[in-house]
């Protein structure tokens, strides 16, 4: 455990934390001594296994981050069990990839609902706690495609671009209350979802990177630890690309 991060006994909420990047973030925070609640929409063996990893310091809560009532109930469970919250990681996200002229409106709405509305609903629910204690860390997981756009990812890129703009707004609004709000924008990361991508898409992403490898969920989790720590006391409203140089 590294004392420099000063995360021992901090309380975090990670949305969409049952698998992939979210699960890696939960494990990283736990490894640094934090207590972590994570939300998930559908029950799964992955969620159950994560809960059992450290039952006294991990809480899994079934809740849709875009649903205000479910989000409020999740926060009440955290407050009832642990009595506080210090870190919010807005990770939940979905994608429905298709070129714009073939993109179904209901698919577009679903992506915006989870990826952007979910960020707004969850942040709005947590902010009063942060403001009252004059402290908080908000970390939103976006994407480099929310910065540059991406053919075939109109809904996803739009949602993540919105996440970036909204988080920067939070940084301006909440800075006087000692609340930092920052964004992590991953490139293509090796997860269960990316394993199913066509080989040509993987190769194209590899070609774009400077380091000639894909990122791992641990790479993103490491950036979360940095933003969650007090090392970033004077850093807010920033976008950190965790992409191996994919965007440069």
C-alpha atoms as a PDB file:
ATOM      1  CA  UNK A   1       0.000   0.000   0.000  1.00  0.00           C
ATOM      2  CA  UNK A   2       1.437   3.392  -0.996  1.00  0.00           C
ATOM      3  CA  UNK A   3       0.893   6.127   1.600  1.00  0.00           C
ATOM      4  CA  UNK A   4       1.559   8.832  -0.971  1.00  0.00           C
ATOM      5  CA  UNK A   5      -1.941   8.382  -2.420  1.00  0.00           C
ATOM      6  CA  UNK A   6      -3.591   8.713   0.998  1.00  0.00           C
ATOM      7  CA  UNK A   7      -6.654   6.670  -0.006  1.00  0.00           C
ATOM      8  CA  UNK A   8      -6.875   4.499   3.115  1.00  0.00           C
ATOM      9  CA  UNK A   9     -10.434   4.525   4.486  1.00  0.00           C
ATOM     10  CA  UNK A  10     -11.675   6.868   1.767  1.00  0.00           C
ATOM     11  CA  UNK A  11     -15.127   5.879   0.495  1.00  0.00           C
ATOM     12  CA  UNK A  12     -15.740   5.632  -3.240  1.00  0.00           C
ATOM     13  CA  UNK A  13     -18.648   4.956  -5.572  1.00  0.00           C
ATOM     14  CA  UNK A  14     -17.889   3.435  -8.986  1.00  0.00           C
ATOM     15  CA  UNK A  15     -20.768   3.227 -11.460  1.00  0.00           C
ATOM     16  CA  UNK A  16     -20.742   0.247 -13.805  1.00  0.00           C
ATOM     17  CA  UNK A  17     -18.158  -1.469 -11.642  1.00  0.00           C
ATOM     18  CA  UNK A  18     -18.948  -5.162 -12.089  1.00  0.00           C
ATOM     19  CA  UNK A  19     -16.546  -5.936 -14.912  1.00  0.00           C
ATOM     20  CA  UNK A  20     -13.995  -4.565 -17.356  1.00  0.00           C
ATOM     21  CA  UNK A  21     -12.555  -1.143 -16.585  1.00  0.00           C
ATOM     22  CA  UNK A  22     -14.995  -0.641 -13.709  1.00  0.00           C
ATOM     23  CA  UNK A  23     -13.977  -3.825 -11.908  1.00  0.00           C
ATOM     24  CA  UNK A  24     -10.309  -2.947 -12.332  1.00  0.00           C
ATOM     25  CA  UNK A  25     -10.978   0.473 -10.774  1.00  0.00           C
ATOM     26  CA  UNK A  26     -12.767  -1.143  -7.817  1.00  0.00           C
ATOM     27  CA  UNK A  27      -9.848  -3.529  -7.236  1.00  0.00           C
ATOM     28  CA  UNK A  28      -7.270  -0.733  -7.512  1.00  0.00           C
ATOM     29  CA  UNK A  29      -9.068   1.434  -4.954  1.00  0.00           C
ATOM     30  CA  UNK A  30      -9.430  -1.545  -2.602  1.00  0.00           C
ATOM     31  CA  UNK A  31      -5.698  -2.276  -2.945  1.00  0.00           C
ATOM     32  CA  UNK A  32      -5.012   1.229  -1.648  1.00  0.00           C
ATOM     33  CA  UNK A  33      -7.191   0.767   1.437  1.00  0.00           C
ATOM     34  CA  UNK A  34     -10.365   2.489   0.263  1.00  0.00           C
ATOM     35  CA  UNK A  35     -13.898   1.220   0.781  1.00  0.00           C
ATOM     36  CA  UNK A  36     -15.774   0.925  -2.500  1.00  0.00           C
ATOM     37  CA  UNK A  37     -19.403   0.649  -3.521  1.00  0.00           C
ATOM     38  CA  UNK A  38     -20.060  -0.241  -7.143  1.00  0.00           C
ATOM     39  CA  UNK A  39     -23.289  -0.264  -9.116  1.00  0.00           C
ATOM     40  CA  UNK A  40     -24.446  -2.661 -11.789  1.00  0.00           C
ATOM     41  CA  UNK A  41     -27.678  -2.975 -13.766  1.00  0.00           C
ATOM     42  CA  UNK A  42     -27.973  -6.739 -14.174  1.00  0.00           C
ATOM     43  CA  UNK A  43     -26.920  -9.414 -11.658  1.00  0.00           C
ATOM     44  CA  UNK A  44     -23.954 -11.472 -12.859  1.00  0.00           C
ATOM     45  CA  UNK A  45     -21.346 -13.941 -11.593  1.00  0.00           C
ATOM     46  CA  UNK A  46     -18.753 -11.185 -12.090  1.00  0.00           C
ATOM     47  CA  UNK A  47     -20.603  -8.848  -9.723  1.00  0.00           C
ATOM     48  CA  UNK A  48     -21.007 -11.609  -7.138  1.00  0.00           C
ATOM     49  CA  UNK A  49     -17.319 -12.530  -7.316  1.00  0.00           C
ATOM     50  CA  UNK A  50     -16.256  -8.911  -6.882  1.00  0.00           C
ATOM     51  CA  UNK A  51     -18.431  -8.488  -3.793  1.00  0.00           C
ATOM     52  CA  UNK A  52     -16.766 -11.520  -2.202  1.00  0.00           C
ATOM     53  CA  UNK A  53     -13.252 -10.178  -2.767  1.00  0.00           C
ATOM     54  CA  UNK A  54     -13.343  -8.019   0.372  1.00  0.00           C
ATOM     55  CA  UNK A  55     -16.857  -8.215   1.875  1.00  0.00           C
ATOM     56  CA  UNK A  56     -16.087  -5.689   4.594  1.00  0.00           C
ATOM     57  CA  UNK A  57     -14.808  -3.091   2.118  1.00  0.00           C
ATOM     58  CA  UNK A  58     -16.756  -3.765  -1.106  1.00  0.00           C
ATOM     59  CA  UNK A  59     -20.471  -3.179  -1.562  1.00  0.00           C
ATOM     60  CA  UNK A  60     -22.281  -4.110  -4.772  1.00  0.00           C
ATOM     61  CA  UNK A  61     -25.569  -2.312  -5.421  1.00  0.00           C
ATOM     62  CA  UNK A  62     -27.971  -3.064  -8.251  1.00  0.00           C
ATOM     63  CA  UNK A  63     -28.906   0.358  -9.631  1.00  0.00           C
ATOM     64  CA  UNK A  64     -29.258   2.126 -12.966  1.00  0.00           C
ATOM     65  CA  UNK A  65     -27.059   5.223 -12.797  1.00  0.00           C
ATOM     66  CA  UNK A  66     -29.497   7.133 -15.031  1.00  0.00           C
ATOM     67  CA  UNK A  67     -32.427   6.507 -12.674  1.00  0.00           C
ATOM     68  CA  UNK A  68     -32.642   9.212  -9.979  1.00  0.00           C
ATOM     69  CA  UNK A  69     -34.596   7.054  -7.517  1.00  0.00           C
ATOM     70  CA  UNK A  70     -32.270   4.058  -7.807  1.00  0.00           C
ATOM     71  CA  UNK A  71     -29.227   6.319  -7.559  1.00  0.00           C
ATOM     72  CA  UNK A  72     -30.592   8.040  -4.451  1.00  0.00           C
ATOM     73  CA  UNK A  73     -31.301   4.650  -2.870  1.00  0.00           C
ATOM     74  CA  UNK A  74     -27.753   3.491  -3.668  1.00  0.00           C
ATOM     75  CA  UNK A  75     -26.311   6.552  -1.931  1.00  0.00           C
ATOM     76  CA  UNK A  76     -28.529   6.005   1.087  1.00  0.00           C
ATOM     77  CA  UNK A  77     -27.146   2.462   1.384  1.00  0.00           C
ATOM     78  CA  UNK A  78     -23.585   3.787   1.258  1.00  0.00           C
ATOM     79  CA  UNK A  79     -24.308   6.438   3.879  1.00  0.00           C
ATOM     80  CA  UNK A  80     -26.112   3.939   6.105  1.00  0.00           C
ATOM     81  CA  UNK A  81     -23.234   1.443   6.014  1.00  0.00           C
ATOM     82  CA  UNK A  82     -20.180   3.696   5.884  1.00  0.00           C
ATOM     83  CA  UNK A  83     -21.407   7.172   6.756  1.00  0.00           C
ATOM     84  CA  UNK A  84     -19.743   9.120   3.965  1.00  0.00           C
ATOM     85  CA  UNK A  85     -18.452   9.384   0.414  1.00  0.00           C
ATOM     86  CA  UNK A  86     -15.267  11.030  -0.880  1.00  0.00           C
ATOM     87  CA  UNK A  87     -14.692   9.754  -4.430  1.00  0.00           C
ATOM     88  CA  UNK A  88     -17.080   9.383  -7.365  1.00  0.00           C
ATOM     89  CA  UNK A  89     -15.986   7.461 -10.449  1.00  0.00           C
ATOM     90  CA  UNK A  90     -18.458   7.839 -13.308  1.00  0.00           C
ATOM     91  CA  UNK A  91     -17.620   4.786 -15.359  1.00  0.00           C
ATOM     92  CA  UNK A  92     -20.894   3.201 -16.549  1.00  0.00           C
ATOM     93  CA  UNK A  93     -21.202   3.186 -20.315  1.00  0.00           C
ATOM     94  CA  UNK A  94     -22.575   1.346 -23.331  1.00  0.00           C
ATOM     95  CA  UNK A  95     -22.096   1.582 -27.063  1.00  0.00           C
ATOM     96  CA  UNK A  96     -24.308   0.984 -30.088  1.00  0.00           C
ATOM     97  CA  UNK A  97     -21.988   1.315 -33.054  1.00  0.00           C
ATOM     98  CA  UNK A  98     -23.362   2.105 -36.481  1.00  0.00           C
ATOM     99  CA  UNK A  99     -22.818   4.809 -39.105  1.00  0.00           C
ATOM    100  CA  UNK A 100     -25.029   7.821 -38.516  1.00  0.00           C
ATOM    101  CA  UNK A 101     -27.433   7.244 -41.406  1.00  0.00           C
ATOM    102  CA  UNK A 102     -28.151   3.724 -40.160  1.00  0.00           C
ATOM    103  CA  UNK A 103     -28.200   4.472 -36.430  1.00  0.00           C
ATOM    104  CA  UNK A 104     -31.545   3.668 -34.823  1.00  0.00           C
ATOM    105  CA  UNK A 105     -32.947   6.555 -32.767  1.00  0.00           C
ATOM    106  CA  UNK A 106     -33.733   4.253 -29.846  1.00  0.00           C
ATOM    107  CA  UNK A 107     -30.102   3.062 -29.842  1.00  0.00           C
ATOM    108  CA  UNK A 108     -28.898   6.665 -29.881  1.00  0.00           C
ATOM    109  CA  UNK A 109     -31.190   7.496 -26.977  1.00  0.00           C
ATOM    110  CA  UNK A 110     -29.992   4.458 -24.985  1.00  0.00           C
ATOM    111  CA  UNK A 111     -26.360   5.496 -25.305  1.00  0.00           C
ATOM    112  CA  UNK A 112     -27.070   9.096 -24.302  1.00  0.00           C
ATOM    113  CA  UNK A 113     -29.265   7.846 -21.421  1.00  0.00           C
ATOM    114  CA  UNK A 114     -26.557   5.677 -19.862  1.00  0.00           C
ATOM    115  CA  UNK A 115     -23.388   7.514 -20.813  1.00  0.00           C
ATOM    116  CA  UNK A 116     -24.414  11.155 -20.374  1.00  0.00           C
ATOM    117  CA  UNK A 117     -27.660  11.290 -18.392  1.00  0.00           C
ATOM    118  CA  UNK A 118     -26.169   8.679 -16.031  1.00  0.00           C
ATOM    119  CA  UNK A 119     -23.206  10.957 -15.348  1.00  0.00           C
ATOM    120  CA  UNK A 120     -25.499  13.921 -14.695  1.00  0.00           C
ATOM    121  CA  UNK A 121     -27.938  12.009 -12.448  1.00  0.00           C
ATOM    122  CA  UNK A 122     -25.215  10.396 -10.336  1.00  0.00           C
ATOM    123  CA  UNK A 123     -23.104  13.535 -10.019  1.00  0.00           C
ATOM    124  CA  UNK A 124     -26.147  15.604  -9.056  1.00  0.00           C
ATOM    125  CA  UNK A 125     -27.000  13.092  -6.314  1.00  0.00           C
ATOM    126  CA  UNK A 126     -23.475  13.009  -4.861  1.00  0.00           C
ATOM    127  CA  UNK A 127     -22.559  16.696  -5.102  1.00  0.00           C
ATOM    128  CA  UNK A 128     -24.604  17.806  -2.036  1.00  0.00           C
ATOM    129  CA  UNK A 129     -22.557  15.407   0.140  1.00  0.00           C
ATOM    130  CA  UNK A 130     -19.311  16.743  -1.329  1.00  0.00           C
ATOM    131  CA  UNK A 131     -20.390  20.365  -0.882  1.00  0.00           C
ATOM    132  CA  UNK A 132     -21.409  19.801   2.728  1.00  0.00           C
ATOM    133  CA  UNK A 133     -18.023  18.333   3.662  1.00  0.00           C
ATOM    134  CA  UNK A 134     -16.085  20.794   1.481  1.00  0.00           C
ATOM    135  CA  UNK A 135     -14.250  17.947  -0.236  1.00  0.00           C
ATOM    136  CA  UNK A 136     -14.682  15.514  -3.101  1.00  0.00           C
ATOM    137  CA  UNK A 137     -13.102  13.890  -6.124  1.00  0.00           C
ATOM    138  CA  UNK A 138     -15.148  13.411  -9.307  1.00  0.00           C
ATOM    139  CA  UNK A 139     -13.549  11.292 -12.023  1.00  0.00           C
ATOM    140  CA  UNK A 140     -15.437  10.701 -15.260  1.00  0.00           C
ATOM    141  CA  UNK A 141     -14.406   8.004 -17.735  1.00  0.00           C
ATOM    142  CA  UNK A 142     -14.871   9.335 -21.254  1.00  0.00           C
ATOM    143  CA  UNK A 143     -12.991   8.343 -24.442  1.00  0.00           C
ATOM    144  CA  UNK A 144     -10.575   9.825 -26.928  1.00  0.00           C
ATOM    145  CA  UNK A 145     -13.425   9.410 -29.419  1.00  0.00           C
ATOM    146  CA  UNK A 146     -15.338  12.012 -27.428  1.00  0.00           C
ATOM    147  CA  UNK A 147     -12.538  14.416 -28.374  1.00  0.00           C
ATOM    148  CA  UNK A 148     -11.860  13.478 -31.995  1.00  0.00           C
ATOM    149  CA  UNK A 149     -15.096  11.775 -33.110  1.00  0.00           C
ATOM    150  CA  UNK A 150     -15.100   8.332 -34.664  1.00  0.00           C
ATOM    151  CA  UNK A 151     -16.776   6.950 -37.774  1.00  0.00           C
ATOM    152  CA  UNK A 152     -19.446   4.471 -36.734  1.00  0.00           C
ATOM    153  CA  UNK A 153     -19.579   5.770 -33.166  1.00  0.00           C
ATOM    154  CA  UNK A 154     -21.751   8.858 -33.492  1.00  0.00           C
ATOM    155  CA  UNK A 155     -23.848   8.186 -30.392  1.00  0.00           C
ATOM    156  CA  UNK A 156     -20.911   7.050 -28.260  1.00  0.00           C
ATOM    157  CA  UNK A 157     -18.643   9.930 -29.329  1.00  0.00           C
ATOM    158  CA  UNK A 158     -21.427  12.455 -28.745  1.00  0.00           C
ATOM    159  CA  UNK A 159     -22.126  11.075 -25.272  1.00  0.00           C
ATOM    160  CA  UNK A 160     -18.476  11.077 -24.259  1.00  0.00           C
ATOM    161  CA  UNK A 161     -17.933  14.565 -25.666  1.00  0.00           C
ATOM    162  CA  UNK A 162     -20.846  15.642 -23.489  1.00  0.00           C
ATOM    163  CA  UNK A 163     -19.259  13.961 -20.470  1.00  0.00           C
ATOM    164  CA  UNK A 164     -16.077  15.963 -21.023  1.00  0.00           C
ATOM    165  CA  UNK A 165     -17.935  19.280 -21.307  1.00  0.00           C
ATOM    166  CA  UNK A 166     -20.145  18.524 -18.295  1.00  0.00           C
ATOM    167  CA  UNK A 167     -17.186  17.525 -16.120  1.00  0.00           C
ATOM    168  CA  UNK A 168     -15.336  20.726 -17.002  1.00  0.00           C
ATOM    169  CA  UNK A 169     -18.473  22.633 -15.984  1.00  0.00           C
ATOM    170  CA  UNK A 170     -18.481  20.803 -12.643  1.00  0.00           C
ATOM    171  CA  UNK A 171     -14.846  21.785 -12.148  1.00  0.00           C
ATOM    172  CA  UNK A 172     -15.770  25.458 -12.536  1.00  0.00           C
ATOM    173  CA  UNK A 173     -18.862  25.208 -10.340  1.00  0.00           C
ATOM    174  CA  UNK A 174     -17.384  23.134  -7.527  1.00  0.00           C
ATOM    175  CA  UNK A 175     -13.799  24.364  -7.299  1.00  0.00           C
ATOM    176  CA  UNK A 176     -14.613  26.873  -4.515  1.00  0.00           C
ATOM    177  CA  UNK A 177     -15.836  23.929  -2.414  1.00  0.00           C
ATOM    178  CA  UNK A 178     -12.539  22.020  -2.717  1.00  0.00           C
ATOM    179  CA  UNK A 179     -14.078  19.529  -5.143  1.00  0.00           C
ATOM    180  CA  UNK A 180     -11.972  18.394  -8.100  1.00  0.00           C
ATOM    181  CA  UNK A 181     -13.581  17.139 -11.309  1.00  0.00           C
ATOM    182  CA  UNK A 182     -11.427  15.516 -13.989  1.00  0.00           C
ATOM    183  CA  UNK A 183     -11.791  13.233 -16.997  1.00  0.00           C
ATOM    184  CA  UNK A 184      -9.929  10.145 -18.125  1.00  0.00           C
ATOM    185  CA  UNK A 185     -10.163   9.503 -21.866  1.00  0.00           C
ATOM    186  CA  UNK A 186      -8.984   5.983 -22.717  1.00  0.00           C
ATOM    187  CA  UNK A 187      -8.053   4.822 -26.166  1.00  0.00           C
ATOM    188  CA  UNK A 188      -8.786   1.242 -27.164  1.00  0.00           C
ATOM    189  CA  UNK A 189      -8.477  -0.873 -24.011  1.00  0.00           C
ATOM    190  CA  UNK A 190      -8.321  -4.656 -23.834  1.00  0.00           C
ATOM    191  CA  UNK A 191     -11.603  -5.827 -22.255  1.00  0.00           C
ATOM    192  CA  UNK A 192     -14.119  -8.592 -22.801  1.00  0.00           C
ATOM    193  CA  UNK A 193     -15.958  -6.329 -25.247  1.00  0.00           C
ATOM    194  CA  UNK A 194     -12.918  -5.481 -27.367  1.00  0.00           C
ATOM    195  CA  UNK A 195     -12.040  -9.169 -27.784  1.00  0.00           C
ATOM    196  CA  UNK A 196     -15.005  -9.441 -30.134  1.00  0.00           C
ATOM    197  CA  UNK A 197     -13.907  -6.545 -32.363  1.00  0.00           C
ATOM    198  CA  UNK A 198     -12.839  -7.340 -35.936  1.00  0.00           C
ATOM    199  CA  UNK A 199      -9.102  -7.805 -36.354  1.00  0.00           C
ATOM    200  CA  UNK A 200      -8.852  -4.841 -38.727  1.00  0.00           C
ATOM    201  CA  UNK A 201     -10.196  -2.479 -36.045  1.00  0.00           C
ATOM    202  CA  UNK A 202      -7.687  -3.770 -33.483  1.00  0.00           C
ATOM    203  CA  UNK A 203      -4.838  -3.427 -35.977  1.00  0.00           C
ATOM    204  CA  UNK A 204      -5.907   0.103 -36.928  1.00  0.00           C
ATOM    205  CA  UNK A 205      -5.892   1.138 -33.248  1.00  0.00           C
ATOM    206  CA  UNK A 206      -2.482  -0.445 -32.718  1.00  0.00           C
ATOM    207  CA  UNK A 207      -1.140   1.421 -35.750  1.00  0.00           C
ATOM    208  CA  UNK A 208      -2.393   4.716 -34.266  1.00  0.00           C
ATOM    209  CA  UNK A 209      -0.588   4.249 -30.956  1.00  0.00           C
ATOM    210  CA  UNK A 210       2.920   5.473 -30.294  1.00  0.00           C
ATOM    211  CA  UNK A 211       3.701   2.515 -28.022  1.00  0.00           C
ATOM    212  CA  UNK A 212       2.337  -0.153 -30.436  1.00  0.00           C
ATOM    213  CA  UNK A 213       0.230  -1.945 -27.857  1.00  0.00           C
ATOM    214  CA  UNK A 214      -3.301  -1.723 -26.542  1.00  0.00           C
ATOM    215  CA  UNK A 215      -3.984  -0.402 -23.070  1.00  0.00           C
ATOM    216  CA  UNK A 216      -5.193  -2.548 -20.199  1.00  0.00           C
ATOM    217  CA  UNK A 217      -7.890  -1.888 -17.633  1.00  0.00           C
ATOM    218  CA  UNK A 218      -5.101  -1.524 -15.059  1.00  0.00           C
ATOM    219  CA  UNK A 219      -3.733   1.434 -17.048  1.00  0.00           C
ATOM    220  CA  UNK A 220      -7.054   3.241 -16.647  1.00  0.00           C
ATOM    221  CA  UNK A 221      -7.343   2.238 -12.989  1.00  0.00           C
ATOM    222  CA  UNK A 222      -3.912   3.707 -12.290  1.00  0.00           C
ATOM    223  CA  UNK A 223      -5.040   7.057 -13.662  1.00  0.00           C
ATOM    224  CA  UNK A 224      -8.131   6.883 -11.449  1.00  0.00           C
ATOM    225  CA  UNK A 225      -5.929   6.368  -8.370  1.00  0.00           C
ATOM    226  CA  UNK A 226      -3.959   9.474  -9.330  1.00  0.00           C
ATOM    227  CA  UNK A 227      -7.063  11.670  -9.701  1.00  0.00           C
ATOM    228  CA  UNK A 228      -8.633  10.195  -6.542  1.00  0.00           C
ATOM    229  CA  UNK A 229      -5.586  11.072  -4.475  1.00  0.00           C
ATOM    230  CA  UNK A 230      -4.616  14.386  -2.938  1.00  0.00           C
ATOM    231  CA  UNK A 231      -1.675  14.540  -5.341  1.00  0.00           C
ATOM    232  CA  UNK A 232      -4.203  16.239  -7.635  1.00  0.00           C
ATOM    233  CA  UNK A 233      -5.272  18.896  -5.120  1.00  0.00           C
ATOM    234  CA  UNK A 234      -4.479  21.622  -7.658  1.00  0.00           C
ATOM    235  CA  UNK A 235      -5.623  19.768 -10.800  1.00  0.00           C
ATOM    236  CA  UNK A 236      -9.216  20.142 -11.990  1.00  0.00           C
ATOM    237  CA  UNK A 237     -11.131  20.371 -15.255  1.00  0.00           C
ATOM    238  CA  UNK A 238      -8.477  18.326 -17.061  1.00  0.00           C
ATOM    239  CA  UNK A 239      -8.685  15.485 -19.575  1.00  0.00           C
ATOM    240  CA  UNK A 240      -6.018  12.786 -19.266  1.00  0.00           C
ATOM    241  CA  UNK A 241      -5.707  10.598 -22.350  1.00  0.00           C
ATOM    242  CA  UNK A 242      -4.805   7.024 -21.401  1.00  0.00           C
ATOM    243  CA  UNK A 243      -4.255   5.888 -24.954  1.00  0.00           C
ATOM    244  CA  UNK A 244      -0.617   5.021 -25.566  1.00  0.00           C
ATOM    245  CA  UNK A 245      -0.344   8.062 -27.808  1.00  0.00           C
ATOM    246  CA  UNK A 246      -3.299   7.008 -29.984  1.00  0.00           C
ATOM    247  CA  UNK A 247      -4.608  10.552 -30.268  1.00  0.00           C
ATOM    248  CA  UNK A 248      -1.362  12.380 -31.037  1.00  0.00           C
END
